[in-house]
C-alpha atoms as a PDB file:
ATOM      1  CA  GLY A   1     -46.326  65.845-175.490  1.00  0.00           C
ATOM      2  CA  ARG A   2     -47.603  63.483-178.138  1.00  0.00           C
ATOM      3  CA  VAL A   3     -48.916  60.039-177.259  1.00  0.00           C
ATOM      4  CA  ALA A   4     -46.787  57.111-178.441  1.00  0.00           C
ATOM      5  CA  PRO A   5     -48.425  55.347-181.406  1.00  0.00           C
ATOM      6  CA  PRO A   6     -49.665  51.725-181.234  1.00  0.00           C
ATOM      7  CA  LEU A   7     -46.891  49.095-181.511  1.00  0.00           C
ATOM      8  CA  ALA A   8     -44.230  51.660-180.527  1.00  0.00           C
ATOM      9  CA  ALA A   9     -43.691  49.634-177.333  1.00  0.00           C
ATOM     10  CA  LEU A  10     -42.612  46.004-177.337  1.00  0.00           C
ATOM     11  CA  SER A  11     -45.290  45.131-174.764  1.00  0.00           C
ATOM     12  CA  GLN A  12     -47.951  45.984-177.378  1.00  0.00           C
ATOM     13  CA  VAL A  13     -46.228  43.889-180.055  1.00  0.00           C
ATOM     14  CA  LEU A  14     -46.032  40.880-177.724  1.00  0.00           C
ATOM     15  CA  ARG A  15     -49.840  40.817-177.518  1.00  0.00           C
ATOM     16  CA  LEU A  16     -50.088  40.048-181.236  1.00  0.00           C
ATOM     17  CA  GLU A  17     -50.351  36.513-182.588  1.00  0.00           C
ATOM     18  CA  ARG A  18     -47.006  34.911-183.363  1.00  0.00           C
ATOM     19  CA  SER A  19     -46.647  35.412-187.139  1.00  0.00           C
ATOM     20  CA  ARG A  20     -47.666  39.081-186.886  1.00  0.00           C
ATOM     21  CA  ARG A  21     -45.259  39.545-183.994  1.00  0.00           C
ATOM     22  CA  THR A  22     -42.360  38.073-186.003  1.00  0.00           C
ATOM     23  CA  ALA A  23     -43.258  40.273-188.977  1.00  0.00           C
ATOM     24  CA  ILE A  24     -43.035  43.395-186.775  1.00  0.00           C
ATOM     25  CA  VAL A  25     -39.853  42.524-184.872  1.00  0.00           C
ATOM     26  CA  PHE A  26     -37.963  40.564-187.572  1.00  0.00           C
ATOM     27  CA  PRO A  27     -39.392  41.683-190.950  1.00  0.00           C
ATOM     28  CA  LEU A  28     -36.481  40.133-192.842  1.00  0.00           C
ATOM     29  CA  GLN A  29     -37.369  36.699-191.458  1.00  0.00           C
ATOM     30  CA  LYS A  30     -40.940  37.117-192.701  1.00  0.00           C
ATOM     31  CA  LEU A  31     -39.522  37.206-196.244  1.00  0.00           C
ATOM     32  CA  GLU A  32     -37.501  34.012-195.760  1.00  0.00           C
ATOM     33  CA  ARG A  33     -40.329  31.606-196.478  1.00  0.00           C
ATOM     34  CA  HIS A  34     -40.831  33.169-199.917  1.00  0.00           C
ATOM     35  CA  LEU A  35     -37.267  32.439-201.047  1.00  0.00           C
ATOM     36  CA  ALA A  36     -36.335  29.677-203.466  1.00  0.00           C
ATOM     37  CA  PRO A  37     -35.315  26.431-201.722  1.00  0.00           C
ATOM     38  CA  GLY A  38     -31.600  26.334-201.020  1.00  0.00           C
ATOM     39  CA  THR A  39     -31.180  30.126-200.797  1.00  0.00           C
ATOM     40  CA  ASP A  40     -28.566  31.007-198.178  1.00  0.00           C
ATOM     41  CA  THR A  41     -30.399  32.827-195.377  1.00  0.00           C
ATOM     42  CA  ALA A  42     -27.470  33.102-192.931  1.00  0.00           C
ATOM     43  CA  ARG A  43     -27.312  36.861-193.562  1.00  0.00           C
ATOM     44  CA  PHE A  44     -30.956  37.207-192.539  1.00  0.00           C
ATOM     45  CA  ARG A  45     -30.168  36.146-188.962  1.00  0.00           C
ATOM     46  CA  LEU A  46     -26.747  37.522-188.034  1.00  0.00           C
ATOM     47  CA  PHE A  47     -28.232  39.931-185.503  1.00  0.00           C
ATOM     48  CA  GLN A  48     -31.083  38.128-183.772  1.00  0.00           C
ATOM     49  CA  PRO A  49     -31.424  39.387-180.193  1.00  0.00           C
ATOM     50  CA  GLY A  50     -33.618  37.703-177.616  1.00  0.00           C
ATOM     51  CA  LEU A  51     -36.460  39.347-175.748  1.00  0.00           C
ATOM     52  CA  ALA A  52     -34.297  40.531-172.822  1.00  0.00           C
ATOM     53  CA  ALA A  53     -31.942  42.418-175.171  1.00  0.00           C
ATOM     54  CA  LEU A  54     -34.876  43.973-177.071  1.00  0.00           C
ATOM     55  CA  GLN A  55     -36.375  45.132-173.770  1.00  0.00           C
ATOM     56  CA  ARG A  56     -33.085  46.583-172.510  1.00  0.00           C
ATOM     57  CA  ALA A  57     -32.671  48.485-175.768  1.00  0.00           C
ATOM     58  CA  GLU A  58     -36.225  49.816-175.577  1.00  0.00           C
ATOM     59  CA  ALA A  59     -35.525  51.163-172.078  1.00  0.00           C
ATOM     60  CA  LEU A  60     -32.738  53.313-173.572  1.00  0.00           C
ATOM     61  CA  PHE A  61     -35.214  54.858-176.023  1.00  0.00           C
ATOM     62  CA  ARG A  62     -37.850  55.514-173.336  1.00  0.00           C
ATOM     63  CA  SER A  63     -37.344  58.858-171.615  1.00  0.00           C
ATOM     64  CA  ASP A  64     -37.999  59.569-167.945  1.00  0.00           C
ATOM     65  CA  ARG A  65     -36.829  62.078-165.364  1.00  0.00           C
ATOM     66  CA  GLY A  66     -33.552  60.269-164.714  1.00  0.00           C
ATOM     67  CA  HIS A  67     -33.006  59.474-168.383  1.00  0.00           C
ATOM     68  CA  PRO A  68     -33.803  62.489-170.584  1.00  0.00           C
ATOM     69  CA  ILE A  69     -33.743  62.215-174.372  1.00  0.00           C
ATOM     70  CA  ASP A  70     -33.171  65.652-175.871  1.00  0.00           C
ATOM     71  CA  TYR A  71     -32.513  67.440-179.117  1.00  0.00           C
ATOM     72  CA  VAL A  72     -29.153  69.057-178.319  1.00  0.00           C
ATOM     73  CA  SER A  73     -28.223  71.284-181.244  1.00  0.00           C
ATOM     74  CA  SER A  74     -27.790  71.626-184.990  1.00  0.00           C
ATOM     75  CA  ALA A  75     -24.556  72.262-186.827  1.00  0.00           C
ATOM     76  CA  VAL A  76     -23.485  73.070-190.365  1.00  0.00           C
ATOM     77  CA  ARG A  77     -19.816  72.366-189.596  1.00  0.00           C
ATOM     78  CA  THR A  78     -18.152  69.762-187.424  1.00  0.00           C
ATOM     79  CA  ASP A  79     -16.504  72.417-185.261  1.00  0.00           C
ATOM     80  CA  HIS A  80     -20.032  73.564-184.324  1.00  0.00           C
ATOM     81  CA  ALA A  81     -21.034  70.035-183.270  1.00  0.00           C
ATOM     82  CA  PRO A  82     -21.432  69.105-179.576  1.00  0.00           C
ATOM     83  CA  PRO A  83     -18.282  67.721-177.908  1.00  0.00           C
ATOM     84  CA  PRO A  84     -17.686  64.085-178.915  1.00  0.00           C
ATOM     85  CA  ALA A  85     -18.174  62.808-175.368  1.00  0.00           C
ATOM     86  CA  LEU A  86     -20.578  59.913-176.042  1.00  0.00           C
ATOM     87  CA  PRO A  87     -20.664  57.053-178.553  1.00  0.00           C
ATOM     88  CA  GLU A  88     -22.453  58.303-181.671  1.00  0.00           C
ATOM     89  CA  VAL A  89     -24.450  56.931-184.587  1.00  0.00           C
ATOM     90  CA  CYS A  90     -25.533  58.889-187.647  1.00  0.00           C
ATOM     91  CA  PHE A  91     -28.312  58.386-190.185  1.00  0.00           C
ATOM     92  CA  ILE A  92     -27.771  59.405-193.799  1.00  0.00           C
ATOM     93  CA  GLY A  93     -29.785  58.858-196.968  1.00  0.00           C
ATOM     94  CA  ARG A  94     -31.420  60.435-199.991  1.00  0.00           C
ATOM     95  CA  SER A  95     -33.576  63.470-199.331  1.00  0.00           C
ATOM     96  CA  ASN A  96     -36.918  61.659-199.578  1.00  0.00           C
ATOM     97  CA  VAL A  97     -35.923  58.315-198.070  1.00  0.00           C
ATOM     98  CA  GLY A  98     -37.922  58.836-194.851  1.00  0.00           C
ATOM     99  CA  LYS A  99     -35.001  59.526-192.530  1.00  0.00           C
ATOM    100  CA  SER A 100     -36.706  61.975-190.174  1.00  0.00           C
ATOM    101  CA  SER A 101     -39.797  59.727-190.026  1.00  0.00           C
ATOM    102  CA  LEU A 102     -37.593  56.792-189.026  1.00  0.00           C
ATOM    103  CA  ILE A 103     -35.841  58.798-186.296  1.00  0.00           C
ATOM    104  CA  ARG A 104     -39.225  59.953-185.021  1.00  0.00           C
ATOM    105  CA  ALA A 105     -40.342  56.289-184.883  1.00  0.00           C
ATOM    106  CA  LEU A 106     -37.180  55.308-182.971  1.00  0.00           C
ATOM    107  CA  PHE A 107     -37.907  58.101-180.461  1.00  0.00           C
ATOM    108  CA  SER A 108     -41.662  57.455-180.305  1.00  0.00           C
ATOM    109  CA  LEU A 109     -41.412  56.457-176.615  1.00  0.00           C
ATOM    110  CA  ALA A 110     -39.984  59.902-175.879  1.00  0.00           C
ATOM    111  CA  PRO A 111     -42.846  61.946-177.383  1.00  0.00           C
ATOM    112  CA  GLU A 112     -41.409  65.234-176.093  1.00  0.00           C
ATOM    113  CA  VAL A 113     -38.503  64.912-178.551  1.00  0.00           C
ATOM    114  CA  GLU A 114     -39.160  67.099-181.595  1.00  0.00           C
ATOM    115  CA  VAL A 115     -37.999  65.464-184.808  1.00  0.00           C
ATOM    116  CA  ARG A 116     -39.143  67.667-187.645  1.00  0.00           C
ATOM    117  CA  VAL A 117     -40.601  65.707-190.536  1.00  0.00           C
ATOM    118  CA  SER A 118     -40.844  67.835-193.660  1.00  0.00           C
ATOM    119  CA  LYS A 119     -43.196  67.310-196.572  1.00  0.00           C
ATOM    120  CA  THR A 120     -40.530  68.967-198.714  1.00  0.00           C
ATOM    121  CA  PRO A 121     -37.613  66.696-199.697  1.00  0.00           C
ATOM    122  CA  GLY A 122     -34.219  68.130-198.788  1.00  0.00           C
ATOM    123  CA  HIS A 123     -35.530  70.089-195.820  1.00  0.00           C
ATOM    124  CA  THR A 124     -32.851  68.889-193.386  1.00  0.00           C
ATOM    125  CA  LYS A 125     -29.965  71.260-194.147  1.00  0.00           C
ATOM    126  CA  LYS A 126     -28.014  70.759-190.931  1.00  0.00           C
ATOM    127  CA  MET A 127     -26.705  67.934-188.771  1.00  0.00           C
ATOM    128  CA  ASN A 128     -29.184  67.546-185.901  1.00  0.00           C
ATOM    129  CA  PHE A 129     -27.882  65.998-182.668  1.00  0.00           C
ATOM    130  CA  PHE A 130     -30.071  64.076-180.208  1.00  0.00           C
ATOM    131  CA  LYS A 131     -28.653  62.990-176.848  1.00  0.00           C
ATOM    132  CA  VAL A 132     -29.983  59.766-175.344  1.00  0.00           C
ATOM    133  CA  GLY A 133     -29.337  60.174-171.625  1.00  0.00           C
ATOM    134  CA  LYS A 134     -25.713  59.517-170.759  1.00  0.00           C
ATOM    135  CA  TYR A 135     -25.499  56.622-173.224  1.00  0.00           C
ATOM    136  CA  PHE A 136     -25.158  57.828-176.820  1.00  0.00           C
ATOM    137  CA  THR A 137     -25.889  60.542-179.382  1.00  0.00           C
ATOM    138  CA  LEU A 138     -27.921  60.068-182.561  1.00  0.00           C
ATOM    139  CA  VAL A 139     -27.285  62.391-185.516  1.00  0.00           C
ATOM    140  CA  ASP A 140     -29.772  63.163-188.293  1.00  0.00           C
ATOM    141  CA  MET A 141     -27.646  64.124-191.315  1.00  0.00           C
ATOM    142  CA  PRO A 142     -28.808  66.275-194.253  1.00  0.00           C
ATOM    143  CA  GLY A 143     -30.322  64.308-197.129  1.00  0.00           C
ATOM    144  CA  TYR A 144     -28.312  63.924-200.320  1.00  0.00           C
ATOM    145  CA  GLY A 145     -29.509  64.081-203.910  1.00  0.00           C
ATOM    146  CA  TYR A 146     -32.519  66.256-204.707  1.00  0.00           C
ATOM    147  CA  ARG A 147     -32.136  69.820-203.362  1.00  0.00           C
ATOM    148  CA  ALA A 148     -29.216  68.868-201.144  1.00  0.00           C
ATOM    149  CA  PRO A 149     -27.338  71.902-199.845  1.00  0.00           C
ATOM    150  CA  GLN A 150     -24.256  72.947-201.826  1.00  0.00           C
ATOM    151  CA  ASP A 151     -21.947  72.370-198.893  1.00  0.00           C
ATOM    152  CA  PHE A 152     -23.463  68.960-198.140  1.00  0.00           C
ATOM    153  CA  VAL A 153     -20.448  66.988-199.344  1.00  0.00           C
ATOM    154  CA  GLU A 154     -17.961  69.063-197.362  1.00  0.00           C
ATOM    155  CA  MET A 155     -20.139  68.915-194.243  1.00  0.00           C
ATOM    156  CA  VAL A 156     -20.767  65.169-194.369  1.00  0.00           C
ATOM    157  CA  GLU A 157     -17.268  64.174-195.471  1.00  0.00           C
ATOM    158  CA  ALA A 158     -15.712  66.251-192.701  1.00  0.00           C
ATOM    159  CA  TYR A 159     -18.074  64.750-190.130  1.00  0.00           C
ATOM    160  CA  LEU A 160     -17.434  61.150-191.218  1.00  0.00           C
ATOM    161  CA  GLN A 161     -13.661  61.611-191.303  1.00  0.00           C
ATOM    162  CA  GLU A 162     -13.237  63.684-188.138  1.00  0.00           C
ATOM    163  CA  ARG A 163     -15.860  62.379-185.700  1.00  0.00           C
ATOM    164  CA  ARG A 164     -13.787  60.003-183.600  1.00  0.00           C
ATOM    165  CA  ASN A 165     -16.740  58.859-181.454  1.00  0.00           C
ATOM    166  CA  LEU A 166     -18.786  57.722-184.486  1.00  0.00           C
ATOM    167  CA  LYS A 167     -19.558  54.022-183.952  1.00  0.00           C
ATOM    168  CA  ARG A 168     -21.801  53.247-186.943  1.00  0.00           C
ATOM    169  CA  THR A 169     -23.354  55.021-189.911  1.00  0.00           C
ATOM    170  CA  PHE A 170     -26.851  53.964-190.929  1.00  0.00           C
ATOM    171  CA  LEU A 171     -27.302  54.346-194.680  1.00  0.00           C
ATOM    172  CA  LEU A 172     -30.997  54.505-195.526  1.00  0.00           C
ATOM    173  CA  VAL A 173     -32.195  53.124-198.862  1.00  0.00           C
ATOM    174  CA  ASP A 174     -35.762  53.351-200.192  1.00  0.00           C
ATOM    175  CA  GLY A 175     -37.241  49.839-200.014  1.00  0.00           C
ATOM    176  CA  VAL A 176     -39.506  50.551-202.990  1.00  0.00           C
ATOM    177  CA  VAL A 177     -36.844  51.671-205.491  1.00  0.00           C
ATOM    178  CA  GLY A 178     -33.701  49.980-204.118  1.00  0.00           C
ATOM    179  CA  LEU A 179     -30.163  51.319-204.521  1.00  0.00           C
ATOM    180  CA  GLN A 180     -29.932  54.473-206.635  1.00  0.00           C
ATOM    181  CA  LYS A 181     -26.924  56.182-208.214  1.00  0.00           C
ATOM    182  CA  THR A 182     -26.658  58.643-205.291  1.00  0.00           C
ATOM    183  CA  ASP A 183     -26.704  55.722-202.824  1.00  0.00           C
ATOM    184  CA  HIS A 184     -23.757  54.144-204.649  1.00  0.00           C
ATOM    185  CA  ILE A 185     -21.868  57.452-204.294  1.00  0.00           C
ATOM    186  CA  ALA A 186     -22.570  57.393-200.526  1.00  0.00           C
ATOM    187  CA  VAL A 187     -21.356  53.771-200.331  1.00  0.00           C
ATOM    188  CA  GLU A 188     -18.143  54.707-202.172  1.00  0.00           C
ATOM    189  CA  MET A 189     -17.557  57.552-199.707  1.00  0.00           C
ATOM    190  CA  LEU A 190     -18.064  55.288-196.658  1.00  0.00           C
ATOM    191  CA  GLU A 191     -15.845  52.591-198.150  1.00  0.00           C
ATOM    192  CA  GLU A 192     -13.122  55.103-199.039  1.00  0.00           C
ATOM    193  CA  PHE A 193     -13.054  56.486-195.487  1.00  0.00           C
ATOM    194  CA  GLY A 194     -13.206  53.010-193.908  1.00  0.00           C
ATOM    195  CA  ILE A 195     -16.358  53.900-191.966  1.00  0.00           C
ATOM    196  CA  PRO A 196     -18.354  50.919-190.618  1.00  0.00           C
ATOM    197  CA  TYR A 197     -21.950  51.180-191.804  1.00  0.00           C
ATOM    198  CA  VAL A 198     -25.192  49.272-192.145  1.00  0.00           C
ATOM    199  CA  MET A 199     -27.924  49.535-194.779  1.00  0.00           C
ATOM    200  CA  VAL A 200     -31.522  50.131-193.718  1.00  0.00           C
ATOM    201  CA  LEU A 201     -34.378  49.632-196.186  1.00  0.00           C
ATOM    202  CA  THR A 202     -37.154  52.118-195.440  1.00  0.00           C
ATOM    203  CA  LYS A 203     -40.845  52.324-196.418  1.00  0.00           C
ATOM    204  CA  ILE A 204     -41.256  48.544-196.608  1.00  0.00           C
ATOM    205  CA  ASP A 205     -45.016  48.975-196.057  1.00  0.00           C
ATOM    206  CA  ARG A 206     -45.173  50.638-199.496  1.00  0.00           C
ATOM    207  CA  ALA A 207     -43.359  47.875-201.394  1.00  0.00           C
ATOM    208  CA  SER A 208     -45.045  44.734-202.707  1.00  0.00           C
ATOM    209  CA  ARG A 209     -43.553  41.499-201.418  1.00  0.00           C
ATOM    210  CA  GLY A 210     -42.044  40.728-204.846  1.00  0.00           C
ATOM    211  CA  VAL A 211     -40.390  44.132-205.153  1.00  0.00           C
ATOM    212  CA  LEU A 212     -39.103  44.005-201.584  1.00  0.00           C
ATOM    213  CA  LEU A 213     -37.681  40.514-202.027  1.00  0.00           C
ATOM    214  CA  LYS A 214     -35.976  41.520-205.281  1.00  0.00           C
ATOM    215  CA  ASN A 215     -34.437  44.622-203.680  1.00  0.00           C
ATOM    216  CA  VAL A 216     -33.316  42.716-200.569  1.00  0.00           C
ATOM    217  CA  LEU A 217     -31.602  39.980-202.596  1.00  0.00           C
ATOM    218  CA  GLU A 218     -29.961  42.443-204.997  1.00  0.00           C
ATOM    219  CA  ILE A 219     -28.666  44.642-202.168  1.00  0.00           C
ATOM    220  CA  GLN A 220     -27.430  41.642-200.163  1.00  0.00           C
ATOM    221  CA  GLU A 221     -25.522  40.435-203.221  1.00  0.00           C
ATOM    222  CA  PHE A 222     -24.054  43.918-203.723  1.00  0.00           C
ATOM    223  CA  VAL A 223     -23.031  44.112-200.043  1.00  0.00           C
ATOM    224  CA  LYS A 224     -21.421  40.672-200.239  1.00  0.00           C
ATOM    225  CA  LYS A 225     -19.409  41.342-203.408  1.00  0.00           C
ATOM    226  CA  GLY A 226     -18.987  45.123-203.535  1.00  0.00           C
ATOM    227  CA  THR A 227     -18.402  46.301-199.958  1.00  0.00           C
ATOM    228  CA  GLN A 228     -15.998  45.764-197.084  1.00  0.00           C
ATOM    229  CA  GLY A 229     -17.289  48.056-194.344  1.00  0.00           C
ATOM    230  CA  CYS A 230     -20.995  47.198-194.548  1.00  0.00           C
ATOM    231  CA  PHE A 231     -22.619  44.932-191.947  1.00  0.00           C
ATOM    232  CA  PRO A 232     -23.797  41.876-193.942  1.00  0.00           C
ATOM    233  CA  GLN A 233     -27.376  41.908-192.623  1.00  0.00           C
ATOM    234  CA  LEU A 234     -29.892  44.412-193.968  1.00  0.00           C
ATOM    235  CA  PHE A 235     -32.395  46.051-191.648  1.00  0.00           C
ATOM    236  CA  LEU A 236     -35.943  46.520-192.963  1.00  0.00           C
ATOM    237  CA  VAL A 237     -38.166  49.188-191.426  1.00  0.00           C
ATOM    238  CA  SER A 238     -41.564  50.798-191.721  1.00  0.00           C
ATOM    239  CA  SER A 239     -42.042  53.994-189.723  1.00  0.00           C
ATOM    240  CA  VAL A 240     -45.794  53.616-190.272  1.00  0.00           C
ATOM    241  CA  GLU A 241     -46.293  50.014-189.115  1.00  0.00           C
ATOM    242  CA  PHE A 242     -43.255  49.927-186.750  1.00  0.00           C
ATOM    243  CA  SER A 243     -41.821  46.874-188.518  1.00  0.00           C
ATOM    244  CA  GLY A 244     -38.133  46.563-187.725  1.00  0.00           C
ATOM    245  CA  ILE A 245     -38.078  49.540-185.340  1.00  0.00           C
ATOM    246  CA  HIS A 246     -37.559  47.424-182.203  1.00  0.00           C
ATOM    247  CA  LEU A 247     -34.728  45.476-183.845  1.00  0.00           C
ATOM    248  CA  LEU A 248     -33.073  48.670-185.073  1.00  0.00           C
ATOM    249  CA  ARG A 249     -33.223  50.194-181.573  1.00  0.00           C
ATOM    250  CA  CYS A 250     -31.502  47.052-180.325  1.00  0.00           C
ATOM    251  CA  PHE A 251     -28.772  47.277-182.971  1.00  0.00           C
ATOM    252  CA  VAL A 252     -28.142  50.957-182.122  1.00  0.00           C
ATOM    253  CA  ALA A 253     -27.860  50.016-178.430  1.00  0.00           C
ATOM    254  CA  HIS A 254     -25.478  47.188-179.377  1.00  0.00           C
ATOM    255  CA  VAL A 255     -23.110  49.205-181.610  1.00  0.00           C
ATOM    256  CA  THR A 256     -22.904  52.065-179.088  1.00  0.00           C
ATOM    257  CA  GLY A 257     -21.710  49.583-176.432  1.00  0.00           C
ATOM    258  CA  ASN A 258     -24.889  49.725-174.370  1.00  0.00           C
ATOM    259  CA  LEU A 259     -25.848  46.100-174.941  1.00  0.00           C
ATOM    260  CA  PRO A 260     -22.627  44.189-174.281  1.00  0.00           C
ATOM    261  CA  THR A 261     -24.152  40.748-174.730  1.00  0.00           C
ATOM    262  CA  VAL A 262     -26.848  40.030-177.274  1.00  0.00           C
ATOM    263  CA  GLU A 263     -28.465  36.677-176.622  1.00  0.00           C
ATOM    264  CA  ALA A 264     -29.732  34.822-179.652  1.00  0.00           C
ATOM    265  CA  SER A 265     -33.386  33.862-179.383  1.00  0.00           C
END
């Protein structure tokens, strides 16, 4: 199996000096000090777990003999999907948003798990199911937009409407370019179906601070005024630098019911 990259484990992050550590675990908070005085930052800190919760969540994403993390199967239709026995989360986003890279980063402490990362946008044509022990299932959905399969809409709509064990949908948005027309279509679909979801800004290592701040504030304003089912806090991630990965693992553990109490730090 592959070796886990640096900073994939919380223990490695905790060795860093404090400001670097905060930037890795809570990247949204790193942006706070660059905001205009008086800006409301309540939405930056709605989900702020303490160290114990972050460590418990990490244990879920670390495989061992008694806790296997496995790719289960792929499906092009919901009736081909594994039985809905466990709480489930799914990840959707535009074809080149970095979805497979993010899932690989989340599973980096289980290096035997094969998450295919394609250099060709639109490569994921099926729903790919990953089982995390006896705790939850994570689903990698096909990308929408560029080169999306013809039956994408039918496949994804059917999944979102029929999958009774779906606890949260993670809608990935490119942190460099912000919300695009296709993302708005995905938001409309989630809102129409009444599906609870959360927005994740990817590739934050590629965005300048100014661009990232602009996109964060614009998206937060859109979420506040234009959505009902979206969790008010954005999650920022870099699959390269591992910023936000530990927090996102914790949120997945929380929404799947595997972290009943989340202590504020």
